[in-house]
């Protein structure tokens, strides 16, 4: 996949390094030319010098040829603007990182659905540690070509979970309705807006995205 990252922050660089290790094509968009010069010595990826919240710069990244835009700078407001501009330019999927929880409701109102709140993630992890809970992140148990994928049930797909059409090598693990956990037993009746967490493969992720799905992991 081709991934564009706005911001050569610690989060942006760490993400780029991991993506490169997994053979993805990465381009980093960064305002600071000296930072680009420094990173070009260690990262095997493309660089674009400029402000990633500006439409002209994001267009140079090639939205039509890019699968995901990750807005990972150290400035929440820049990330939000980059996410909105990227979405309007047609990037396949946009992920926005925020550090200040005050912006969470703003992202929700702007329908920036793939928003990562660093503060909330850290707080939940610390709470688990304080209370002695050993939590395993799902992403750390994936092996080989296995992937998680989250979809929202449409009105046309509502009905028994047994009748929900899925590509091969794909299973429903669990779901959510209004924040409540759903187990995919034979009696479950899906409703419009339910979120389903699927276990699938990278090839099937592409197929699911072709059906208009946008959230993967």
Protein backbone atom coordinates (compact mmCIF):
# COMPACT_ATOMS: atom_id res chain seq x y z
CA UNK A 1 0.00 0.00 0.00
CA UNK A 2 1.04 3.61 -0.51
CA UNK A 3 0.81 5.69 2.67
CA UNK A 4 1.26 9.46 3.06
CA UNK A 5 2.20 10.75 6.52
CA UNK A 6 1.75 14.39 7.49
CA UNK A 7 4.40 15.37 10.02
CA UNK A 8 7.84 13.96 10.81
CA UNK A 9 6.98 13.84 14.51
CA UNK A 10 8.11 10.95 16.70
CA UNK A 11 4.77 9.26 15.98
CA UNK A 12 5.11 9.92 12.26
CA UNK A 13 8.67 8.63 12.04
CA UNK A 14 7.96 5.53 14.17
CA UNK A 15 4.93 4.72 12.02
CA UNK A 16 6.89 5.29 8.81
CA UNK A 17 9.70 3.02 9.99
CA UNK A 18 7.27 0.21 10.82
CA UNK A 19 5.40 0.59 7.51
CA UNK A 20 8.66 0.49 5.56
CA UNK A 21 9.68 -2.69 7.40
CA UNK A 22 6.40 -4.22 6.23
CA UNK A 23 7.17 -3.28 2.61
CA UNK A 24 4.71 -0.40 2.26
CA UNK A 25 5.46 2.62 0.07
CA UNK A 26 5.70 5.69 2.33
CA UNK A 27 5.96 9.42 1.71
CA UNK A 28 6.42 11.88 4.59
CA UNK A 29 5.16 15.46 4.26
CA UNK A 30 7.13 17.83 6.50
CA UNK A 31 7.50 21.62 6.86
CA UNK A 32 11.04 21.52 8.24
CA UNK A 33 13.59 21.00 5.47
CA UNK A 34 16.38 20.29 7.98
CA UNK A 35 14.24 17.52 9.48
CA UNK A 36 13.77 15.99 6.01
CA UNK A 37 17.52 16.13 5.35
CA UNK A 38 18.16 14.39 8.66
CA UNK A 39 15.61 11.62 8.10
CA UNK A 40 16.49 10.99 4.46
CA UNK A 41 19.74 9.44 5.73
CA UNK A 42 17.91 6.77 7.72
CA UNK A 43 14.48 6.19 6.13
CA UNK A 44 13.98 4.53 2.76
CA UNK A 45 10.91 6.54 1.75
CA UNK A 46 9.81 9.59 -0.18
CA UNK A 47 9.70 13.11 1.28
CA UNK A 48 7.63 16.13 0.35
CA UNK A 49 8.67 19.51 1.72
CA UNK A 50 5.71 21.67 2.67
CA UNK A 51 2.75 22.28 4.96
CA UNK A 52 0.56 19.16 4.96
CA UNK A 53 -2.53 21.18 5.84
CA UNK A 54 -2.33 23.04 2.50
CA UNK A 55 -4.36 21.63 -0.44
CA UNK A 56 -1.57 22.32 -2.93
CA UNK A 57 0.91 20.25 -0.95
CA UNK A 58 -1.47 17.36 -0.35
CA UNK A 59 -2.31 17.28 -4.06
CA UNK A 60 1.40 16.78 -4.77
CA UNK A 61 1.24 13.64 -2.62
CA UNK A 62 -1.13 12.12 -5.21
CA UNK A 63 -4.44 11.34 -3.44
CA UNK A 64 -5.64 9.17 -6.33
CA UNK A 65 -2.61 6.88 -5.94
CA UNK A 66 -2.47 6.85 -2.12
CA UNK A 67 -4.35 4.34 0.03
CA UNK A 68 -4.13 6.19 3.34
CA UNK A 69 -3.32 9.64 4.69
CA UNK A 70 -2.04 9.61 8.28
CA UNK A 71 -2.10 13.04 9.97
CA UNK A 72 0.50 12.62 12.73
CA UNK A 73 2.10 16.01 13.31
CA UNK A 74 2.57 17.43 16.81
CA UNK A 75 -0.16 20.04 16.22
CA UNK A 76 -3.75 18.86 16.71
CA UNK A 77 -5.25 21.72 14.71
CA UNK A 78 -2.90 21.07 11.79
CA UNK A 79 -3.87 17.39 11.90
CA UNK A 80 -7.58 18.20 11.85
CA UNK A 81 -7.19 20.58 8.91
CA UNK A 82 -4.98 18.08 7.07
CA UNK A 83 -7.61 15.39 7.63
CA UNK A 84 -10.41 17.57 6.27
CA UNK A 85 -8.38 18.70 3.25
CA UNK A 86 -7.21 15.15 2.58
CA UNK A 87 -10.75 13.83 2.69
CA UNK A 88 -11.94 16.53 0.27
CA UNK A 89 -9.10 15.68 -2.14
CA UNK A 90 -10.11 12.02 -2.25
CA UNK A 91 -7.51 10.14 -0.21
CA UNK A 92 -8.78 6.57 0.22
CA UNK A 93 -8.70 6.69 4.02
CA UNK A 94 -7.77 9.45 6.45
CA UNK A 95 -6.54 8.95 10.03
CA UNK A 96 -6.22 11.95 12.36
CA UNK A 97 -4.18 11.97 15.58
CA UNK A 98 -5.05 14.35 18.39
CA UNK A 99 -3.40 14.77 21.78
CA UNK A 100 -5.87 17.16 23.43
CA UNK A 101 -9.15 15.47 24.40
CA UNK A 102 -10.87 18.84 23.98
CA UNK A 103 -10.79 18.27 20.21
CA UNK A 104 -12.52 14.88 20.33
CA UNK A 105 -16.06 16.25 19.93
CA UNK A 106 -14.83 18.56 17.16
CA UNK A 107 -13.50 15.58 15.21
CA UNK A 108 -16.80 13.77 15.79
CA UNK A 109 -18.83 16.74 14.52
CA UNK A 110 -16.56 17.01 11.47
CA UNK A 111 -17.03 13.27 10.86
CA UNK A 112 -13.33 12.53 11.06
CA UNK A 113 -14.23 8.97 11.97
CA UNK A 114 -10.71 7.53 12.12
CA UNK A 115 -9.46 9.73 14.96
CA UNK A 116 -6.82 8.50 17.40
CA UNK A 117 -6.80 10.28 20.77
CA UNK A 118 -3.32 9.76 22.18
CA UNK A 119 -4.41 11.09 25.58
CA UNK A 120 -7.30 8.65 25.90
CA UNK A 121 -5.28 5.68 24.68
CA UNK A 122 -2.52 6.44 27.18
CA UNK A 123 -4.96 7.05 30.03
CA UNK A 124 -6.78 3.75 29.44
CA UNK A 125 -3.48 1.87 29.28
CA UNK A 126 -2.24 3.45 32.52
CA UNK A 127 -5.54 2.67 34.27
CA UNK A 128 -5.18 -0.98 33.26
CA UNK A 129 -1.63 -1.03 34.62
CA UNK A 130 -2.61 0.65 37.91
CA UNK A 131 -5.46 -1.81 38.43
CA UNK A 132 -3.31 -4.81 37.53
CA UNK A 133 -5.07 -5.78 34.33
CA UNK A 134 -2.88 -7.47 31.73
CA UNK A 135 -4.41 -6.26 28.49
CA UNK A 136 -3.27 -7.76 25.20
CA UNK A 137 -3.55 -5.41 22.21
CA UNK A 138 -5.27 -7.31 19.41
CA UNK A 139 -2.83 -6.02 16.82
CA UNK A 140 0.08 -7.65 18.67
CA UNK A 141 -1.35 -11.17 18.30
CA UNK A 142 -1.73 -11.05 14.53
CA UNK A 143 0.53 -13.39 12.60
CA UNK A 144 1.33 -13.59 8.91
CA UNK A 145 -1.36 -12.27 6.59
CA UNK A 146 -4.15 -11.99 9.19
CA UNK A 147 -5.90 -8.62 9.59
CA UNK A 148 -8.73 -7.05 11.57
CA UNK A 149 -11.36 -5.04 9.71
CA UNK A 150 -14.30 -3.02 11.08
CA UNK A 151 -17.45 -2.33 9.09
CA UNK A 152 -20.76 -0.63 9.77
CA UNK A 153 -23.92 -2.53 8.83
CA UNK A 154 -26.04 -0.80 6.20
CA UNK A 155 -29.85 -0.77 6.06
CA UNK A 156 -29.75 -3.33 3.23
CA UNK A 157 -27.57 -5.67 5.30
CA UNK A 158 -29.71 -5.59 8.45
CA UNK A 159 -31.08 -8.99 9.46
CA UNK A 160 -29.76 -12.25 10.89
CA UNK A 161 -25.97 -12.37 11.26
CA UNK A 162 -26.03 -15.80 9.62
CA UNK A 163 -27.19 -14.14 6.40
CA UNK A 164 -24.53 -11.41 6.41
CA UNK A 165 -22.47 -11.83 3.24
CA UNK A 166 -18.73 -12.03 3.71
CA UNK A 167 -15.85 -12.93 1.38
CA UNK A 168 -13.99 -16.18 1.95
CA UNK A 169 -11.47 -16.42 4.81
CA UNK A 170 -13.44 -13.79 6.75
CA UNK A 171 -15.28 -14.24 10.06
CA UNK A 172 -17.28 -11.98 12.38
CA UNK A 173 -15.51 -11.88 15.76
CA UNK A 174 -17.89 -9.55 17.61
CA UNK A 175 -19.83 -6.32 17.18
CA UNK A 176 -21.02 -3.16 18.91
CA UNK A 177 -24.39 -1.44 19.10
CA UNK A 178 -24.54 1.90 20.91
CA UNK A 179 -21.36 0.97 22.75
CA UNK A 180 -22.63 -2.42 23.90
CA UNK A 181 -20.88 -5.66 22.95
CA UNK A 182 -22.61 -8.02 20.50
CA UNK A 183 -21.71 -11.71 20.22
CA UNK A 184 -22.36 -13.20 16.76
CA UNK A 185 -24.51 -16.15 17.87
CA UNK A 186 -27.26 -17.60 15.68
CA UNK A 187 -29.95 -15.43 17.30
CA UNK A 188 -28.24 -12.08 16.64
CA UNK A 189 -30.26 -9.74 14.44
CA UNK A 190 -28.11 -7.04 12.89
CA UNK A 191 -29.38 -3.48 12.76
CA UNK A 192 -28.33 -0.55 10.60
CA UNK A 193 -25.30 1.16 12.16
CA UNK A 194 -24.02 -1.88 14.08
CA UNK A 195 -20.21 -2.12 13.95
CA UNK A 196 -18.78 -5.56 13.19
CA UNK A 197 -15.18 -6.55 13.86
CA UNK A 198 -13.98 -9.05 11.25
CA UNK A 199 -10.97 -11.35 11.10
CA UNK A 200 -9.72 -11.59 7.53
CA UNK A 201 -6.62 -11.47 5.30
CA UNK A 202 -4.96 -8.57 3.50
CA UNK A 203 -6.35 -9.72 0.13
CA UNK A 204 -9.87 -9.71 1.57
CA UNK A 205 -9.30 -6.25 3.07
CA UNK A 206 -8.91 -4.94 -0.47
CA UNK A 207 -12.14 -6.69 -1.47
CA UNK A 208 -14.00 -5.24 1.53
CA UNK A 209 -12.74 -1.75 0.72
CA UNK A 210 -14.01 -2.17 -2.83
CA UNK A 211 -17.45 -2.66 -1.27
CA UNK A 212 -17.12 0.81 0.23
CA UNK A 213 -15.68 -0.15 3.61
CA UNK A 214 -13.04 2.10 5.10
CA UNK A 215 -11.77 0.94 8.48
CA UNK A 216 -9.02 -1.61 8.89
CA UNK A 217 -6.37 -2.65 11.37
